[in-house]
N, C-alpha and C. Protein backbone atom coordinates (compact mmCIF):
# COMPACT_ATOMS: atom_id res chain seq x y z
N UNK A 1 15.16 -142.71 137.09
CA UNK A 1 14.68 -143.81 138.19
C UNK A 1 15.48 -144.89 137.88
N UNK A 2 15.89 -145.72 138.71
CA UNK A 2 16.31 -147.31 138.65
C UNK A 2 14.97 -147.55 138.49
N UNK A 3 14.65 -148.96 137.61
CA UNK A 3 13.48 -149.73 137.66
C UNK A 3 14.08 -151.23 137.50
N UNK A 4 12.88 -152.02 137.74
CA UNK A 4 13.14 -153.22 137.69
C UNK A 4 13.76 -154.05 136.37
N UNK A 5 13.36 -153.39 135.36
CA UNK A 5 14.22 -153.72 134.12
C UNK A 5 15.75 -153.60 134.14
N UNK A 6 16.30 -152.62 134.85
CA UNK A 6 17.43 -151.96 135.04
C UNK A 6 17.82 -153.53 135.68
N UNK A 7 17.12 -153.93 136.97
CA UNK A 7 17.61 -155.34 137.85
C UNK A 7 17.71 -156.33 136.96
N UNK A 8 16.63 -156.27 136.19
CA UNK A 8 16.70 -157.69 135.17
C UNK A 8 18.00 -157.67 133.93
N UNK A 9 17.97 -156.20 133.49
CA UNK A 9 19.41 -156.29 132.48
C UNK A 9 20.51 -156.70 133.12
N UNK A 10 21.03 -155.93 134.29
CA UNK A 10 22.33 -156.22 134.69
C UNK A 10 22.43 -157.50 135.22
N UNK A 11 21.12 -158.18 136.13
CA UNK A 11 21.80 -159.48 136.39
C UNK A 11 21.58 -160.51 135.11
N UNK A 12 20.69 -160.60 134.30
CA UNK A 12 21.08 -161.46 133.08
C UNK A 12 22.20 -161.18 132.12
N UNK A 13 23.52 -160.38 132.80
CA UNK A 13 24.48 -160.03 131.95
C UNK A 13 25.87 -160.47 132.68
N UNK A 14 25.25 -161.00 134.42
CA UNK A 14 25.94 -161.80 135.02
C UNK A 14 26.16 -163.31 134.38
N UNK A 15 27.67 -163.81 134.63
CA UNK A 15 27.69 -165.24 134.10
C UNK A 15 26.94 -166.05 134.70
N UNK A 16 26.20 -166.89 133.39
CA UNK A 16 25.27 -168.38 133.95
C UNK A 16 24.54 -167.56 134.56
N UNK A 17 23.51 -166.89 134.65
CA UNK A 17 22.45 -166.45 135.48
C UNK A 17 21.19 -166.62 134.81
N UNK A 18 20.19 -167.07 135.22
CA UNK A 18 19.44 -167.09 134.38
C UNK A 18 18.03 -166.71 135.27
N UNK A 19 16.53 -166.31 134.63
CA UNK A 19 15.49 -166.07 134.84
C UNK A 19 14.68 -167.06 135.23
N UNK A 20 14.05 -167.16 136.67
CA UNK A 20 12.98 -168.58 136.67
C UNK A 20 12.04 -167.50 137.45
N UNK A 21 10.64 -167.91 137.19
CA UNK A 21 9.35 -167.27 138.16
C UNK A 21 9.30 -168.02 139.20
N UNK A 22 8.92 -167.76 140.37
CA UNK A 22 9.04 -168.10 141.92
C UNK A 22 8.15 -167.45 142.68
N UNK A 23 6.77 -168.31 143.12
CA UNK A 23 6.23 -167.33 144.18
C UNK A 23 5.53 -166.13 143.44
N UNK A 24 5.55 -166.02 141.99
CA UNK A 24 4.52 -165.40 141.26
C UNK A 24 5.52 -163.88 140.76
N UNK A 25 6.81 -164.27 141.29
CA UNK A 25 7.94 -162.95 140.92
C UNK A 25 8.90 -163.37 139.93
N UNK A 26 9.89 -162.41 139.70
CA UNK A 26 10.75 -162.96 138.67
C UNK A 26 12.04 -163.28 139.80
N UNK A 27 12.54 -164.52 139.67
CA UNK A 27 13.74 -164.58 140.32
C UNK A 27 15.20 -164.84 139.32
N UNK A 28 16.08 -164.78 140.13
CA UNK A 28 17.19 -164.72 139.43
C UNK A 28 18.48 -165.55 139.99
N UNK A 29 19.07 -166.84 139.35
CA UNK A 29 19.85 -167.73 139.85
C UNK A 29 21.19 -167.71 138.98
N UNK A 30 21.95 -168.02 139.88
CA UNK A 30 23.28 -168.83 138.85
C UNK A 30 23.73 -170.53 139.64
N UNK A 31 23.90 -170.95 138.65
CA UNK A 31 24.24 -172.51 139.53
C UNK A 31 23.01 -172.93 139.95
N UNK A 32 21.79 -172.64 139.75
CA UNK A 32 20.61 -172.90 140.45
C UNK A 32 20.25 -172.19 141.88
N UNK A 33 21.35 -171.67 142.12
CA UNK A 33 21.12 -170.70 143.38
C UNK A 33 20.50 -169.23 143.42
N UNK A 34 19.44 -169.11 143.75
CA UNK A 34 18.53 -167.62 143.83
C UNK A 34 19.82 -166.68 144.35
N UNK A 35 19.84 -165.57 143.78
CA UNK A 35 20.08 -164.59 144.27
C UNK A 35 19.72 -163.11 144.33
N UNK A 36 18.66 -162.63 143.64
CA UNK A 36 17.81 -162.01 143.45
C UNK A 36 16.16 -162.39 143.18
N UNK A 37 15.36 -161.20 144.08
CA UNK A 37 14.04 -161.68 143.70
C UNK A 37 13.51 -160.29 143.58
N UNK A 38 12.38 -160.25 142.73
CA UNK A 38 11.53 -158.42 142.48
C UNK A 38 10.29 -158.82 142.82
N UNK A 39 10.04 -158.26 143.97
CA UNK A 39 8.70 -158.80 144.52
C UNK A 39 7.92 -157.96 143.63
N UNK A 40 6.18 -158.55 143.44
CA UNK A 40 5.43 -157.70 142.70
C UNK A 40 5.24 -155.98 142.60
N UNK A 41 5.41 -155.69 143.71
CA UNK A 41 4.96 -154.35 143.73
C UNK A 41 6.36 -153.44 142.84
N UNK A 42 7.49 -154.19 142.84
CA UNK A 42 8.89 -153.63 141.91
C UNK A 42 9.00 -152.45 142.44
N UNK A 43 9.12 -152.28 143.79
CA UNK A 43 9.99 -150.75 144.30
C UNK A 43 10.87 -151.25 145.33
N UNK A 44 10.94 -152.26 145.28
CA UNK A 44 12.12 -152.80 145.99
C UNK A 44 12.53 -154.19 145.42
N UNK A 45 13.62 -154.75 145.77
CA UNK A 45 13.98 -155.92 145.34
C UNK A 45 15.11 -156.87 146.14
N UNK A 46 15.17 -158.38 146.83
CA UNK A 46 15.76 -158.99 147.68
C UNK A 46 17.03 -159.90 147.18
N UNK A 47 18.19 -159.05 147.67
CA UNK A 47 19.33 -160.05 147.53
C UNK A 47 20.27 -160.63 148.48
N UNK A 48 21.04 -161.47 148.37
CA UNK A 48 21.43 -162.36 149.48
C UNK A 48 22.52 -161.28 150.23
N UNK A 49 22.55 -161.63 151.58
CA UNK A 49 23.38 -160.68 152.37
C UNK A 49 23.28 -161.25 154.11
N UNK A 50 25.10 -161.84 154.26
CA UNK A 50 24.91 -162.19 155.51
C UNK A 50 24.40 -161.69 156.54
N UNK A 51 23.72 -162.13 157.77
CA UNK A 51 23.00 -161.30 158.57
C UNK A 51 23.93 -160.47 159.17
N UNK A 52 25.18 -160.54 159.67
CA UNK A 52 25.74 -159.46 160.21
C UNK A 52 25.68 -158.38 159.54
N UNK A 53 26.18 -158.32 158.20
CA UNK A 53 26.19 -157.45 157.16
C UNK A 53 24.90 -156.66 157.43
N UNK A 54 24.01 -157.46 156.99
CA UNK A 54 22.24 -156.77 156.58
C UNK A 54 22.08 -156.05 158.25
N UNK A 55 22.50 -156.31 159.32
CA UNK A 55 22.37 -155.96 160.27
C UNK A 55 22.95 -153.95 160.23
N UNK A 56 24.16 -154.19 159.57
CA UNK A 56 25.04 -152.83 159.46
C UNK A 56 24.53 -152.22 158.56
N UNK A 57 24.01 -153.08 157.37
CA UNK A 57 23.46 -151.98 156.37
C UNK A 57 22.44 -151.14 156.79
N UNK A 58 21.54 -151.78 157.70
CA UNK A 58 20.05 -151.23 157.64
C UNK A 58 20.31 -150.35 158.96
N UNK A 59 21.41 -150.60 159.75
CA UNK A 59 21.66 -149.41 160.59
C UNK A 59 22.16 -148.37 159.95
N UNK A 60 23.02 -148.58 159.01
CA UNK A 60 23.97 -147.11 158.15
C UNK A 60 22.93 -146.43 157.21
N UNK A 61 21.93 -147.07 156.69
CA UNK A 61 20.79 -146.66 155.86
C UNK A 61 19.75 -147.21 155.55
N UNK A 62 18.85 -147.03 157.05
CA UNK A 62 17.50 -147.83 157.20
C UNK A 62 16.50 -147.44 155.87
N UNK A 63 16.60 -145.90 155.09
CA UNK A 63 16.07 -145.37 153.92
C UNK A 63 16.01 -146.25 152.91
N UNK A 64 17.15 -146.90 152.82
CA UNK A 64 17.49 -147.94 151.23
C UNK A 64 17.28 -149.46 151.85
N UNK A 65 18.21 -149.98 153.06
CA UNK A 65 17.69 -151.36 153.12
C UNK A 65 16.91 -152.08 154.23
N UNK A 66 15.93 -152.66 154.34
CA UNK A 66 14.96 -153.16 155.02
C UNK A 66 14.99 -154.63 154.98
N UNK A 67 13.91 -155.23 156.02
CA UNK A 67 13.92 -156.60 156.17
C UNK A 67 12.49 -157.12 156.47
N UNK A 68 11.76 -157.56 155.85
CA UNK A 68 10.51 -157.89 156.14
C UNK A 68 10.40 -158.54 157.54
N UNK A 69 9.16 -158.57 158.27
CA UNK A 69 9.30 -159.69 159.21
C UNK A 69 9.52 -160.77 158.80
N UNK A 70 8.76 -161.17 157.75
CA UNK A 70 8.60 -162.94 157.58
C UNK A 70 10.22 -163.73 156.89
N UNK A 71 11.38 -162.32 156.36
CA UNK A 71 12.50 -162.87 156.04
C UNK A 71 13.49 -162.74 157.28
N UNK A 72 13.28 -162.39 158.43
CA UNK A 72 14.10 -161.75 159.50
C UNK A 72 14.97 -163.26 159.74
N UNK A 73 14.68 -164.05 159.70
CA UNK A 73 15.40 -165.26 160.02
C UNK A 73 16.55 -165.55 158.65
N UNK A 74 15.96 -165.03 157.69
CA UNK A 74 16.67 -165.32 156.49
C UNK A 74 18.24 -164.52 156.40
N UNK A 75 19.23 -164.88 155.10
CA UNK A 75 20.17 -164.24 154.64
C UNK A 75 19.86 -163.24 153.80
N UNK A 76 19.12 -162.65 153.30
CA UNK A 76 18.35 -161.93 152.44
C UNK A 76 18.30 -160.37 153.07
N UNK A 77 17.95 -159.35 152.15
CA UNK A 77 17.99 -158.23 152.72
C UNK A 77 17.03 -157.58 151.19
N UNK A 78 16.15 -156.34 151.49
CA UNK A 78 15.58 -155.78 150.89
C UNK A 78 16.32 -154.51 150.49
N UNK A 79 16.43 -153.90 148.95
CA UNK A 79 16.61 -152.67 148.90
C UNK A 79 16.02 -151.83 147.75
N UNK A 80 15.48 -150.80 148.27
CA UNK A 80 14.21 -149.84 147.94
C UNK A 80 15.07 -149.28 146.73
N UNK A 81 14.45 -149.56 145.29
CA UNK A 81 15.04 -149.16 144.09
C UNK A 81 14.90 -147.09 144.36
N UNK A 82 13.92 -147.02 144.99
CA UNK A 82 14.35 -145.00 144.82
C UNK A 82 14.99 -144.86 145.74
N UNK A 83 15.43 -145.48 146.57
CA UNK A 83 16.65 -144.84 147.31
C UNK A 83 18.05 -145.07 146.71
N UNK A 84 18.40 -145.46 145.43
CA UNK A 84 19.60 -146.00 145.15
C UNK A 84 19.93 -144.57 144.24
N UNK A 85 21.30 -144.88 144.52
CA UNK A 85 21.82 -143.15 143.77
C UNK A 85 21.96 -143.39 142.40
N UNK A 86 22.52 -144.52 141.64
CA UNK A 86 22.42 -144.44 140.50
C UNK A 86 22.88 -145.83 139.89
N UNK A 87 23.07 -146.70 138.67
CA UNK A 87 23.23 -147.53 138.00
C UNK A 87 24.48 -148.33 138.58
N UNK A 88 25.29 -147.76 138.97
CA UNK A 88 26.69 -148.37 139.40
C UNK A 88 26.61 -148.80 140.84
N UNK A 89 25.75 -148.26 141.83
CA UNK A 89 25.36 -149.13 143.04
C UNK A 89 24.50 -149.90 142.56
N UNK A 90 23.49 -149.89 141.78
CA UNK A 90 22.34 -151.20 141.76
C UNK A 90 23.39 -152.22 141.04
N UNK A 91 24.26 -152.27 140.28
CA UNK A 91 25.06 -152.94 139.79
C UNK A 91 26.02 -153.90 140.90
N UNK A 92 26.71 -152.77 141.77
CA UNK A 92 27.66 -153.69 143.18
C UNK A 92 26.78 -154.32 143.96
N UNK A 93 25.45 -153.80 144.11
CA UNK A 93 24.56 -155.10 145.07
C UNK A 93 23.93 -155.94 144.39
N UNK A 94 24.18 -155.92 143.13
CA UNK A 94 23.47 -157.28 142.29
C UNK A 94 24.95 -158.10 142.34
N UNK A 95 26.25 -157.51 141.92
CA UNK A 95 27.23 -158.52 141.66
C UNK A 95 27.79 -159.06 143.14
N UNK A 96 27.41 -158.21 144.10
CA UNK A 96 27.76 -158.81 145.73
C UNK A 96 27.10 -160.00 145.80
N UNK A 97 25.72 -159.75 145.47
CA UNK A 97 24.85 -160.98 145.84
C UNK A 97 25.14 -162.45 144.93
N UNK A 98 25.63 -162.11 143.46
CA UNK A 98 25.98 -163.20 142.42
C UNK A 98 26.88 -163.66 142.79
N UNK A 99 28.19 -163.26 143.71
CA UNK A 99 29.17 -163.62 144.21
C UNK A 99 29.00 -164.36 145.22
N UNK A 100 28.15 -164.11 146.08
CA UNK A 100 27.70 -165.12 147.25
C UNK A 100 27.02 -166.05 146.78
N UNK A 101 26.55 -166.41 145.92
CA UNK A 101 25.36 -167.57 145.24
C UNK A 101 26.33 -168.34 144.11
N UNK A 102 27.29 -167.62 143.45
CA UNK A 102 28.31 -168.48 142.52
C UNK A 102 29.20 -169.33 142.97
N UNK A 103 29.08 -170.49 142.01
CA UNK A 103 30.10 -171.10 142.80
C UNK A 103 31.40 -170.79 142.55
N UNK A 104 32.61 -171.47 143.31
CA UNK A 104 33.94 -170.51 143.44
C UNK A 104 34.51 -170.70 141.95
N UNK A 105 34.32 -171.46 141.13
CA UNK A 105 35.33 -171.65 139.63
C UNK A 105 34.73 -170.39 139.09
N UNK A 106 33.38 -170.11 139.27
CA UNK A 106 32.84 -168.96 138.70
C UNK A 106 33.20 -167.68 138.98
N UNK A 107 33.57 -167.81 140.06
CA UNK A 107 34.04 -166.28 140.80
C UNK A 107 35.50 -166.02 140.16
N UNK A 108 36.21 -167.14 140.53
CA UNK A 108 37.63 -167.36 139.91
C UNK A 108 37.75 -166.93 138.82
N UNK A 109 36.73 -167.56 137.89
CA UNK A 109 37.04 -167.26 136.31
C UNK A 109 36.55 -165.68 136.14
N UNK A 110 35.99 -165.11 136.95
CA UNK A 110 35.55 -163.30 136.53
C UNK A 110 36.17 -162.39 137.80
N UNK A 111 37.59 -162.28 137.67
CA UNK A 111 37.73 -161.39 138.64
C UNK A 111 37.35 -160.18 138.65
N UNK A 112 36.71 -159.87 137.17
CA UNK A 112 36.42 -158.67 136.86
C UNK A 112 35.22 -158.45 137.70
N UNK A 113 34.33 -159.02 138.05
CA UNK A 113 32.95 -159.30 138.56
C UNK A 113 33.32 -158.82 140.27
N UNK A 114 33.37 -157.82 140.42
CA UNK A 114 33.48 -157.22 142.02
C UNK A 114 32.47 -155.97 142.06
N UNK A 115 32.33 -155.48 143.37
CA UNK A 115 31.77 -154.50 143.35
C UNK A 115 32.62 -153.21 143.27
N UNK A 116 32.16 -152.34 142.51
CA UNK A 116 33.07 -151.22 141.93
C UNK A 116 33.64 -151.12 140.30
N UNK A 117 33.81 -152.86 139.97
CA UNK A 117 34.07 -152.75 138.60
C UNK A 117 33.37 -152.02 137.70
N UNK A 118 34.05 -151.65 136.57
CA UNK A 118 33.38 -151.33 135.39
C UNK A 118 32.87 -152.49 134.63
N UNK A 119 31.97 -151.87 133.56
CA UNK A 119 31.62 -152.51 132.72
C UNK A 119 30.30 -153.20 132.35
N UNK A 120 29.54 -152.84 133.32
CA UNK A 120 27.90 -153.56 132.83
C UNK A 120 27.19 -152.40 132.54
């Protein structure tokens, strides 16, 4: 089963990622921009996701993706750890969020970091 420690390990392997406690939970940032949070219960995590894509994700896989009411206006989506298929899927989700937050120069320097790429 995938655990919060897997999120931490993969996130910290991504270029220029730092971990910072905020709102009493671990958050992960690239170039100062947050791209992952792990709430207290550690059964889910939140990542960046454009709202139009978020709606499609939730409609396609509501057992995996969701948004709490207080985050409805944000560009974030929650992911249930128990619903993930494997570490590759987790990595793809984390990399996608990293790419949304990372500066263009970092994304260009790391073309190997894209969903579906092997290596983490």
